[in-house]
Amino acid sequence: FHIPVPNHFISNSVSEEEFTHLKEAYKEHKEKVKYLLCGHVHSRFVDEVDKIPLICTGGGGALIEDVSLEVKAYDVEHHMVHFYKEDGELTYRFHDLDANCYGKEASDKVLKNKLEEAIEGELMAHFKYAMFADRAKRRGMEKIASLFEALAASEYYHARNFYSILERPLAFRQEAGTFIYEEKFEYEYLYEMMEKYAKEKKMPLSAQAFKSAAGAEKVHAALLKEVQQVETFSIDTIYVCPICGYVMWGDKVPKRCPICGGASQQYEMYE
């Protein structure tokens, strides 16, 4: 089946009602059912459902994802499942594909360049649609806002799929660590340098934008350090100033944004 039957690992499955119909269909022949084979997820796991082995596999494509707390992307390789007879019994094995099975696509200079251009184009479209959705909301045009939010999401997924051809996810904590260095570079060097340059050129809008962003990036780095401690991460509620992007958390957030002075009533809450 494409969509997995209900199992112990993921909730992204057919309903219990649908599975009940299936069990009724194979009930008289259950002893002949050797495996339940499902796809849909970009990972793999094995389980037992209705006393029948379940194999869930979707690892031949470019994207491997976390699907649950137990099934992480960095534990799963791109793979195929081979079924064969052994001593007259149907059995199977996972065959991991070469770690660089998609490397040939990135090694083609033209294709790599176009994939990178496609990622940039899709992300820019995502950004523009998200901004337009925000404009529509401010004008009370909720249906139009929903349309552009959907378009923005679509463009993000396009960018994700292109990106996944070129880049494989690292282990969760390791990848979070790479984000910290990027944030530090921005607030310690890049944005400070550009703020100074903009001031010298008497460009106050750009100077203020770089200054505001630098303040937020410093907080981003601090939060990302916390994320690396997965087991002890305890921040429940996060607030973002919609004017300058400054991030705050906890029960005692300031009534005014410390960067731009925006009122707390405007903060966007994530929990």
C-alpha atoms as a PDB file:
ATOM      1  CA  PHE A   1       0.000   0.000   0.000  1.00  0.00           C
ATOM      2  CA  HIS A   2       1.125   3.569  -0.468  1.00  0.00           C
ATOM      3  CA  ILE A   3      -0.143   5.012   2.830  1.00  0.00           C
ATOM      4  CA  PRO A   4       1.004   2.965   5.861  1.00  0.00           C
ATOM      5  CA  VAL A   5      -1.468   1.048   7.970  1.00  0.00           C
ATOM      6  CA  PRO A   6      -1.704   2.148  11.648  1.00  0.00           C
ATOM      7  CA  ASN A   7       1.536   1.267  13.435  1.00  0.00           C
ATOM      8  CA  HIS A   8       3.643   2.012  16.510  1.00  0.00           C
ATOM      9  CA  PHE A   9       5.938   4.601  14.914  1.00  0.00           C
ATOM     10  CA  ILE A  10       4.009   7.241  12.977  1.00  0.00           C
ATOM     11  CA  SER A  11       0.532   8.749  12.969  1.00  0.00           C
ATOM     12  CA  ASN A  12       0.680   9.492   9.235  1.00  0.00           C
ATOM     13  CA  SER A  13      -1.352   6.420   8.298  1.00  0.00           C
ATOM     14  CA  VAL A  14      -4.752   5.284   7.097  1.00  0.00           C
ATOM     15  CA  SER A  15      -7.584   5.440   9.619  1.00  0.00           C
ATOM     16  CA  GLU A  16      -8.420   2.575  11.944  1.00  0.00           C
ATOM     17  CA  GLU A  17     -11.746   2.311  10.108  1.00  0.00           C
ATOM     18  CA  GLU A  18     -10.016   1.788   6.758  1.00  0.00           C
ATOM     19  CA  PHE A  19      -7.656  -0.735   8.308  1.00  0.00           C
ATOM     20  CA  THR A  20     -10.645  -2.609   9.741  1.00  0.00           C
ATOM     21  CA  HIS A  21     -12.045  -2.954   6.198  1.00  0.00           C
ATOM     22  CA  LEU A  22      -8.687  -4.305   5.037  1.00  0.00           C
ATOM     23  CA  LYS A  23      -8.511  -6.846   7.861  1.00  0.00           C
ATOM     24  CA  GLU A  24     -12.002  -8.046   6.988  1.00  0.00           C
ATOM     25  CA  ALA A  25     -10.875  -8.526   3.380  1.00  0.00           C
ATOM     26  CA  TYR A  26      -7.867 -10.713   4.217  1.00  0.00           C
ATOM     27  CA  LYS A  27      -9.271 -12.410   7.341  1.00  0.00           C
ATOM     28  CA  GLU A  28     -10.009 -15.738   5.641  1.00  0.00           C
ATOM     29  CA  HIS A  29      -6.549 -15.777   4.036  1.00  0.00           C
ATOM     30  CA  LYS A  30      -4.505 -14.294   6.864  1.00  0.00           C
ATOM     31  CA  GLU A  31      -2.156 -17.272   7.102  1.00  0.00           C
ATOM     32  CA  LYS A  32      -1.080 -16.548   3.519  1.00  0.00           C
ATOM     33  CA  VAL A  33      -0.272 -12.893   4.194  1.00  0.00           C
ATOM     34  CA  LYS A  34       3.490 -12.845   4.745  1.00  0.00           C
ATOM     35  CA  TYR A  35       4.090  -9.091   4.930  1.00  0.00           C
ATOM     36  CA  LEU A  36       2.334  -5.746   4.837  1.00  0.00           C
ATOM     37  CA  LEU A  37       4.429  -3.463   2.621  1.00  0.00           C
ATOM     38  CA  CYS A  38       3.893   0.306   2.678  1.00  0.00           C
ATOM     39  CA  GLY A  39       5.597   3.428   1.371  1.00  0.00           C
ATOM     40  CA  HIS A  40       4.799   7.146   1.614  1.00  0.00           C
ATOM     41  CA  VAL A  41       7.308   8.007   4.366  1.00  0.00           C
ATOM     42  CA  HIS A  42      10.788   9.169   3.368  1.00  0.00           C
ATOM     43  CA  SER A  43      12.480   6.713   5.696  1.00  0.00           C
ATOM     44  CA  ARG A  44      12.189   3.062   6.699  1.00  0.00           C
ATOM     45  CA  PHE A  45      11.123   0.985   9.663  1.00  0.00           C
ATOM     46  CA  VAL A  46       9.756  -2.455  10.468  1.00  0.00           C
ATOM     47  CA  ASP A  47       6.917  -3.229  12.840  1.00  0.00           C
ATOM     48  CA  GLU A  48       4.293  -5.888  13.531  1.00  0.00           C
ATOM     49  CA  VAL A  49       0.633  -5.102  12.896  1.00  0.00           C
ATOM     50  CA  ASP A  50      -2.199  -7.582  13.430  1.00  0.00           C
ATOM     51  CA  LYS A  51       0.544 -10.195  14.031  1.00  0.00           C
ATOM     52  CA  ILE A  52       1.854  -9.592  10.494  1.00  0.00           C
ATOM     53  CA  PRO A  53       5.302  -8.078   9.803  1.00  0.00           C
ATOM     54  CA  LEU A  54       5.019  -4.515   8.461  1.00  0.00           C
ATOM     55  CA  ILE A  55       7.753  -3.047   6.277  1.00  0.00           C
ATOM     56  CA  CYS A  56       7.527   0.676   5.629  1.00  0.00           C
ATOM     57  CA  THR A  57       9.978   2.013   3.067  1.00  0.00           C
ATOM     58  CA  GLY A  58      10.343   5.147   1.000  1.00  0.00           C
ATOM     59  CA  GLY A  59      14.101   5.556   0.876  1.00  0.00           C
ATOM     60  CA  GLY A  60      14.833   5.358  -2.823  1.00  0.00           C
ATOM     61  CA  GLY A  61      14.177   9.045  -3.403  1.00  0.00           C
ATOM     62  CA  ALA A  62      16.371  12.052  -2.778  1.00  0.00           C
ATOM     63  CA  LEU A  63      14.928  13.111   0.569  1.00  0.00           C
ATOM     64  CA  ILE A  64      15.285  11.224   3.869  1.00  0.00           C
ATOM     65  CA  GLU A  65      13.319  12.733   6.774  1.00  0.00           C
ATOM     66  CA  ASP A  66      12.800  12.318  10.506  1.00  0.00           C
ATOM     67  CA  VAL A  67       9.462  10.553  10.879  1.00  0.00           C
ATOM     68  CA  SER A  68       9.281  10.076  14.656  1.00  0.00           C
ATOM     69  CA  LEU A  69      11.346  10.274  17.823  1.00  0.00           C
ATOM     70  CA  GLU A  70      12.480   6.703  17.184  1.00  0.00           C
ATOM     71  CA  VAL A  71      13.124   6.928  13.430  1.00  0.00           C
ATOM     72  CA  LYS A  72      15.644   9.655  12.580  1.00  0.00           C
ATOM     73  CA  ALA A  73      16.927  10.699   9.165  1.00  0.00           C
ATOM     74  CA  TYR A  74      20.565  10.231  10.111  1.00  0.00           C
ATOM     75  CA  ASP A  75      19.927   6.569  11.002  1.00  0.00           C
ATOM     76  CA  VAL A  76      18.508   5.734   7.566  1.00  0.00           C
ATOM     77  CA  GLU A  77      20.329   5.398   4.254  1.00  0.00           C
ATOM     78  CA  HIS A  78      18.873   5.598   0.776  1.00  0.00           C
ATOM     79  CA  HIS A  79      17.861   2.025   0.127  1.00  0.00           C
ATOM     80  CA  MET A  80      15.855  -0.611  -1.680  1.00  0.00           C
ATOM     81  CA  VAL A  81      14.058  -3.658  -0.255  1.00  0.00           C
ATOM     82  CA  HIS A  82      14.831  -6.981  -1.900  1.00  0.00           C
ATOM     83  CA  PHE A  83      12.381  -9.879  -1.452  1.00  0.00           C
ATOM     84  CA  TYR A  84      13.570 -13.409  -2.154  1.00  0.00           C
ATOM     85  CA  LYS A  85      12.945 -17.039  -1.268  1.00  0.00           C
ATOM     86  CA  GLU A  86      15.214 -18.721   1.265  1.00  0.00           C
ATOM     87  CA  ASP A  87      14.612 -22.397   2.049  1.00  0.00           C
ATOM     88  CA  GLY A  88      11.220 -22.004   0.421  1.00  0.00           C
ATOM     89  CA  GLU A  89      10.198 -19.069   2.632  1.00  0.00           C
ATOM     90  CA  LEU A  90       9.684 -15.504   1.457  1.00  0.00           C
ATOM     91  CA  THR A  91      12.103 -13.176   3.215  1.00  0.00           C
ATOM     92  CA  TYR A  92      13.697  -9.787   2.579  1.00  0.00           C
ATOM     93  CA  ARG A  93      16.705  -7.595   3.182  1.00  0.00           C
ATOM     94  CA  PHE A  94      17.373  -3.871   2.999  1.00  0.00           C
ATOM     95  CA  HIS A  95      20.003  -2.912   0.472  1.00  0.00           C
ATOM     96  CA  ASP A  96      21.613   0.438   1.242  1.00  0.00           C
ATOM     97  CA  LEU A  97      22.426   2.400  -1.868  1.00  0.00           C
ATOM     98  CA  ASP A  98      25.801   4.016  -2.265  1.00  0.00           C
ATOM     99  CA  ALA A  99      26.161   7.081  -0.040  1.00  0.00           C
ATOM    100  CA  ASN A 100      26.823   9.114  -3.170  1.00  0.00           C
ATOM    101  CA  CYS A 101      24.036   7.548  -5.219  1.00  0.00           C
ATOM    102  CA  TYR A 102      22.861  11.026  -6.180  1.00  0.00           C
ATOM    103  CA  GLY A 103      26.334  12.478  -6.443  1.00  0.00           C
ATOM    104  CA  LYS A 104      26.300  12.224 -10.212  1.00  0.00           C
ATOM    105  CA  GLU A 105      23.579  14.874 -10.323  1.00  0.00           C
ATOM    106  CA  ALA A 106      25.675  17.331  -8.324  1.00  0.00           C
ATOM    107  CA  SER A 107      28.787  16.453 -10.356  1.00  0.00           C
ATOM    108  CA  ASP A 108      27.128  17.652 -13.559  1.00  0.00           C
ATOM    109  CA  LYS A 109      28.096  21.339 -13.561  1.00  0.00           C
ATOM    110  CA  VAL A 110      25.136  22.480 -15.642  1.00  0.00           C
ATOM    111  CA  LEU A 111      22.610  20.543 -13.572  1.00  0.00           C
ATOM    112  CA  LYS A 112      24.186  21.598 -10.268  1.00  0.00           C
ATOM    113  CA  ASN A 113      24.119  25.245 -11.341  1.00  0.00           C
ATOM    114  CA  LYS A 114      20.473  25.031 -12.415  1.00  0.00           C
ATOM    115  CA  LEU A 115      19.476  23.239  -9.219  1.00  0.00           C
ATOM    116  CA  GLU A 116      21.094  26.005  -7.184  1.00  0.00           C
ATOM    117  CA  GLU A 117      19.336  28.636  -9.303  1.00  0.00           C
ATOM    118  CA  ALA A 118      16.046  26.796  -8.837  1.00  0.00           C
ATOM    119  CA  ILE A 119      16.517  26.752  -5.047  1.00  0.00           C
ATOM    120  CA  GLU A 120      17.184  30.492  -4.992  1.00  0.00           C
ATOM    121  CA  GLY A 121      14.222  31.188  -7.279  1.00  0.00           C
ATOM    122  CA  GLU A 122      11.798  29.061  -5.269  1.00  0.00           C
ATOM    123  CA  LEU A 123      12.924  30.563  -1.964  1.00  0.00           C
ATOM    124  CA  MET A 124      12.540  34.076  -3.333  1.00  0.00           C
ATOM    125  CA  ALA A 125       9.054  33.181  -4.575  1.00  0.00           C
ATOM    126  CA  HIS A 126       8.271  31.726  -1.128  1.00  0.00           C
ATOM    127  CA  PHE A 127       9.393  34.980   0.479  1.00  0.00           C
ATOM    128  CA  LYS A 128       7.449  37.202  -1.928  1.00  0.00           C
ATOM    129  CA  TYR A 129       4.239  35.189  -1.551  1.00  0.00           C
ATOM    130  CA  ALA A 130       4.580  35.173   2.253  1.00  0.00           C
ATOM    131  CA  MET A 131       5.016  38.955   2.224  1.00  0.00           C
ATOM    132  CA  PHE A 132       1.999  39.402  -0.031  1.00  0.00           C
ATOM    133  CA  ALA A 133      -0.058  37.151   2.258  1.00  0.00           C
ATOM    134  CA  ASP A 134       0.906  39.435   5.137  1.00  0.00           C
ATOM    135  CA  ARG A 135      -0.203  42.484   3.147  1.00  0.00           C
ATOM    136  CA  ALA A 136      -3.527  40.817   2.369  1.00  0.00           C
ATOM    137  CA  LYS A 137      -4.089  39.985   6.055  1.00  0.00           C
ATOM    138  CA  ARG A 138      -3.490  43.584   7.054  1.00  0.00           C
ATOM    139  CA  ARG A 139      -6.247  44.583   4.644  1.00  0.00           C
ATOM    140  CA  GLY A 140      -8.684  41.997   5.990  1.00  0.00           C
ATOM    141  CA  MET A 141      -8.489  39.884   2.809  1.00  0.00           C
ATOM    142  CA  GLU A 142      -8.325  36.534   4.606  1.00  0.00           C
ATOM    143  CA  LYS A 143      -9.149  34.352   1.585  1.00  0.00           C
ATOM    144  CA  ILE A 144      -6.498  36.001  -0.559  1.00  0.00           C
ATOM    145  CA  ALA A 145      -4.050  35.753   2.345  1.00  0.00           C
ATOM    146  CA  SER A 146      -4.758  32.015   2.603  1.00  0.00           C
ATOM    147  CA  LEU A 147      -4.122  31.607  -1.126  1.00  0.00           C
ATOM    148  CA  PHE A 148      -0.726  33.284  -0.931  1.00  0.00           C
ATOM    149  CA  GLU A 149       0.196  31.390   2.227  1.00  0.00           C
ATOM    150  CA  ALA A 150      -0.553  28.176   0.318  1.00  0.00           C
ATOM    151  CA  LEU A 151       1.527  29.353  -2.642  1.00  0.00           C
ATOM    152  CA  ALA A 152       4.380  30.262  -0.291  1.00  0.00           C
ATOM    153  CA  ALA A 153       4.254  26.786   1.246  1.00  0.00           C
ATOM    154  CA  SER A 154       4.260  25.209  -2.207  1.00  0.00           C
ATOM    155  CA  GLU A 155       7.360  27.158  -3.237  1.00  0.00           C
ATOM    156  CA  TYR A 156       9.101  26.118  -0.009  1.00  0.00           C
ATOM    157  CA  TYR A 157       8.469  22.452  -0.762  1.00  0.00           C
ATOM    158  CA  HIS A 158       9.823  22.934  -4.284  1.00  0.00           C
ATOM    159  CA  ALA A 159      12.991  24.489  -2.851  1.00  0.00           C
ATOM    160  CA  ARG A 160      13.274  21.687  -0.292  1.00  0.00           C
ATOM    161  CA  ASN A 161      13.074  19.010  -2.973  1.00  0.00           C
ATOM    162  CA  PHE A 162      15.715  20.688  -5.137  1.00  0.00           C
ATOM    163  CA  TYR A 163      17.961  21.239  -2.111  1.00  0.00           C
ATOM    164  CA  SER A 164      17.652  17.614  -1.038  1.00  0.00           C
ATOM    165  CA  ILE A 165      19.222  16.482  -4.312  1.00  0.00           C
ATOM    166  CA  LEU A 166      22.375  18.445  -3.514  1.00  0.00           C
ATOM    167  CA  GLU A 167      22.559  18.151   0.282  1.00  0.00           C
ATOM    168  CA  ARG A 168      22.001  15.303   2.717  1.00  0.00           C
ATOM    169  CA  PRO A 169      20.933  16.070   6.303  1.00  0.00           C
ATOM    170  CA  LEU A 170      23.559  15.729   9.015  1.00  0.00           C
ATOM    171  CA  ALA A 171      22.876  14.310  12.451  1.00  0.00           C
ATOM    172  CA  PHE A 172      20.416  16.617  14.217  1.00  0.00           C
ATOM    173  CA  ARG A 173      22.784  18.154  16.780  1.00  0.00           C
ATOM    174  CA  GLN A 174      25.601  18.410  14.271  1.00  0.00           C
ATOM    175  CA  GLU A 175      23.434  20.296  11.809  1.00  0.00           C
ATOM    176  CA  ALA A 176      22.137  22.637  14.521  1.00  0.00           C
ATOM    177  CA  GLY A 177      25.771  23.437  15.279  1.00  0.00           C
ATOM    178  CA  THR A 178      26.386  24.599  11.712  1.00  0.00           C
ATOM    179  CA  PHE A 179      23.579  27.150  12.063  1.00  0.00           C
ATOM    180  CA  ILE A 180      25.294  28.675  15.110  1.00  0.00           C
ATOM    181  CA  TYR A 181      28.444  29.491  13.141  1.00  0.00           C
ATOM    182  CA  GLU A 182      26.387  31.085  10.378  1.00  0.00           C
ATOM    183  CA  GLU A 183      24.497  33.280  12.841  1.00  0.00           C
ATOM    184  CA  LYS A 184      27.716  34.326  14.612  1.00  0.00           C
ATOM    185  CA  PHE A 185      29.337  35.282  11.313  1.00  0.00           C
ATOM    186  CA  GLU A 186      26.374  37.495  10.499  1.00  0.00           C
ATOM    187  CA  TYR A 187      26.180  39.415  13.764  1.00  0.00           C
ATOM    188  CA  GLU A 188      29.923  39.544  14.553  1.00  0.00           C
ATOM    189  CA  TYR A 189      31.224  40.451  11.113  1.00  0.00           C
ATOM    190  CA  LEU A 190      28.896  40.799   8.139  1.00  0.00           C
ATOM    191  CA  TYR A 191      26.058  42.917   9.535  1.00  0.00           C
ATOM    192  CA  GLU A 192      28.321  45.084  11.680  1.00  0.00           C
ATOM    193  CA  MET A 193      30.516  45.761   8.663  1.00  0.00           C
ATOM    194  CA  MET A 194      27.536  46.578   6.445  1.00  0.00           C
ATOM    195  CA  GLU A 195      25.954  48.831   9.073  1.00  0.00           C
ATOM    196  CA  LYS A 196      29.187  50.810   9.260  1.00  0.00           C
ATOM    197  CA  TYR A 197      29.414  51.010   5.469  1.00  0.00           C
ATOM    198  CA  ALA A 198      25.800  52.190   5.153  1.00  0.00           C
ATOM    199  CA  LYS A 199      26.399  54.911   7.749  1.00  0.00           C
ATOM    200  CA  GLU A 200      29.489  56.112   5.897  1.00  0.00           C
ATOM    201  CA  LYS A 201      27.432  56.313   2.717  1.00  0.00           C
ATOM    202  CA  LYS A 202      24.624  58.088   4.607  1.00  0.00           C
ATOM    203  CA  MET A 203      22.113  55.300   3.929  1.00  0.00           C
ATOM    204  CA  PRO A 204      20.122  55.255   7.213  1.00  0.00           C
ATOM    205  CA  LEU A 205      17.487  52.698   6.182  1.00  0.00           C
ATOM    206  CA  SER A 206      20.092  50.069   5.331  1.00  0.00           C
ATOM    207  CA  ALA A 207      22.137  50.906   8.424  1.00  0.00           C
ATOM    208  CA  GLN A 208      19.117  50.422  10.692  1.00  0.00           C
ATOM    209  CA  ALA A 209      18.111  47.189   8.929  1.00  0.00           C
ATOM    210  CA  PHE A 210      21.575  45.670   9.436  1.00  0.00           C
ATOM    211  CA  LYS A 211      21.687  46.854  13.060  1.00  0.00           C
ATOM    212  CA  SER A 212      18.274  45.349  13.842  1.00  0.00           C
ATOM    213  CA  ALA A 213      19.127  42.060  12.153  1.00  0.00           C
ATOM    214  CA  ALA A 214      22.431  41.775  14.027  1.00  0.00           C
ATOM    215  CA  GLY A 215      20.636  42.063  17.368  1.00  0.00           C
ATOM    216  CA  ALA A 216      18.254  39.268  16.435  1.00  0.00           C
ATOM    217  CA  GLU A 217      20.978  37.004  15.020  1.00  0.00           C
ATOM    218  CA  LYS A 218      22.844  37.105  18.335  1.00  0.00           C
ATOM    219  CA  VAL A 219      19.757  35.782  20.092  1.00  0.00           C
ATOM    220  CA  HIS A 220      19.322  33.154  17.361  1.00  0.00           C
ATOM    221  CA  ALA A 221      22.803  31.809  18.089  1.00  0.00           C
ATOM    222  CA  ALA A 222      22.049  31.582  21.815  1.00  0.00           C
ATOM    223  CA  LEU A 223      18.813  29.703  21.160  1.00  0.00           C
ATOM    224  CA  LEU A 224      20.491  27.324  18.723  1.00  0.00           C
ATOM    225  CA  LYS A 225      23.037  26.409  21.388  1.00  0.00           C
ATOM    226  CA  GLU A 226      20.107  25.416  23.589  1.00  0.00           C
ATOM    227  CA  VAL A 227      18.660  23.273  20.790  1.00  0.00           C
ATOM    228  CA  GLN A 228      21.796  21.116  20.780  1.00  0.00           C
ATOM    229  CA  GLN A 229      20.795  19.915  24.253  1.00  0.00           C
ATOM    230  CA  VAL A 230      17.749  18.101  22.914  1.00  0.00           C
ATOM    231  CA  GLU A 231      16.865  16.262  26.108  1.00  0.00           C
ATOM    232  CA  THR A 232      16.919  19.365  28.322  1.00  0.00           C
ATOM    233  CA  PHE A 233      15.513  21.963  25.898  1.00  0.00           C
ATOM    234  CA  SER A 234      12.651  23.530  27.848  1.00  0.00           C
ATOM    235  CA  ILE A 235      11.603  26.750  26.092  1.00  0.00           C
ATOM    236  CA  ASP A 236       7.843  26.491  25.583  1.00  0.00           C
ATOM    237  CA  THR A 237       6.879  29.899  24.233  1.00  0.00           C
ATOM    238  CA  ILE A 238       8.810  32.141  21.851  1.00  0.00           C
ATOM    239  CA  TYR A 239       7.863  35.641  20.701  1.00  0.00           C
ATOM    240  CA  VAL A 240       8.994  37.415  17.543  1.00  0.00           C
ATOM    241  CA  CYS A 241       8.721  41.136  16.928  1.00  0.00           C
ATOM    242  CA  PRO A 242       7.073  41.464  13.492  1.00  0.00           C
ATOM    243  CA  ILE A 243       8.766  44.809  12.905  1.00  0.00           C
ATOM    244  CA  CYS A 244      12.456  43.984  13.336  1.00  0.00           C
ATOM    245  CA  GLY A 245      12.458  40.217  13.894  1.00  0.00           C
ATOM    246  CA  TYR A 246      13.870  40.248  17.424  1.00  0.00           C
ATOM    247  CA  VAL A 247      13.247  36.984  19.305  1.00  0.00           C
ATOM    248  CA  MET A 248      12.187  36.732  22.967  1.00  0.00           C
ATOM    249  CA  TRP A 249      11.015  33.885  25.194  1.00  0.00           C
ATOM    250  CA  GLY A 250       9.805  33.128  28.680  1.00  0.00           C
ATOM    251  CA  ASP A 251       7.051  34.555  30.880  1.00  0.00           C
ATOM    252  CA  LYS A 252       8.505  38.040  31.318  1.00  0.00           C
ATOM    253  CA  VAL A 253       8.938  39.468  27.844  1.00  0.00           C
ATOM    254  CA  PRO A 254       9.415  43.253  27.607  1.00  0.00           C
ATOM    255  CA  LYS A 255       6.449  45.471  26.837  1.00  0.00           C
ATOM    256  CA  ARG A 256       8.551  47.119  24.155  1.00  0.00           C
ATOM    257  CA  CYS A 257      10.920  45.408  21.744  1.00  0.00           C
ATOM    258  CA  PRO A 258      14.479  46.213  22.928  1.00  0.00           C
ATOM    259  CA  ILE A 259      15.621  46.708  19.334  1.00  0.00           C
ATOM    260  CA  CYS A 260      12.907  48.746  17.610  1.00  0.00           C
ATOM    261  CA  GLY A 261      10.483  49.672  20.399  1.00  0.00           C
ATOM    262  CA  GLY A 262       7.550  47.744  18.914  1.00  0.00           C
ATOM    263  CA  ALA A 263       4.649  47.111  21.307  1.00  0.00           C
ATOM    264  CA  SER A 264       4.274  43.665  22.890  1.00  0.00           C
ATOM    265  CA  GLN A 265       0.681  43.424  21.607  1.00  0.00           C
ATOM    266  CA  GLN A 266       2.137  42.940  18.140  1.00  0.00           C
ATOM    267  CA  TYR A 267       4.488  40.084  19.042  1.00  0.00           C
ATOM    268  CA  GLU A 268       3.911  36.842  17.177  1.00  0.00           C
ATOM    269  CA  MET A 269       3.794  33.876  19.535  1.00  0.00           C
ATOM    270  CA  TYR A 270       5.116  30.377  18.801  1.00  0.00           C
ATOM    271  CA  GLU A 271       4.423  27.565  21.236  1.00  0.00           C
END
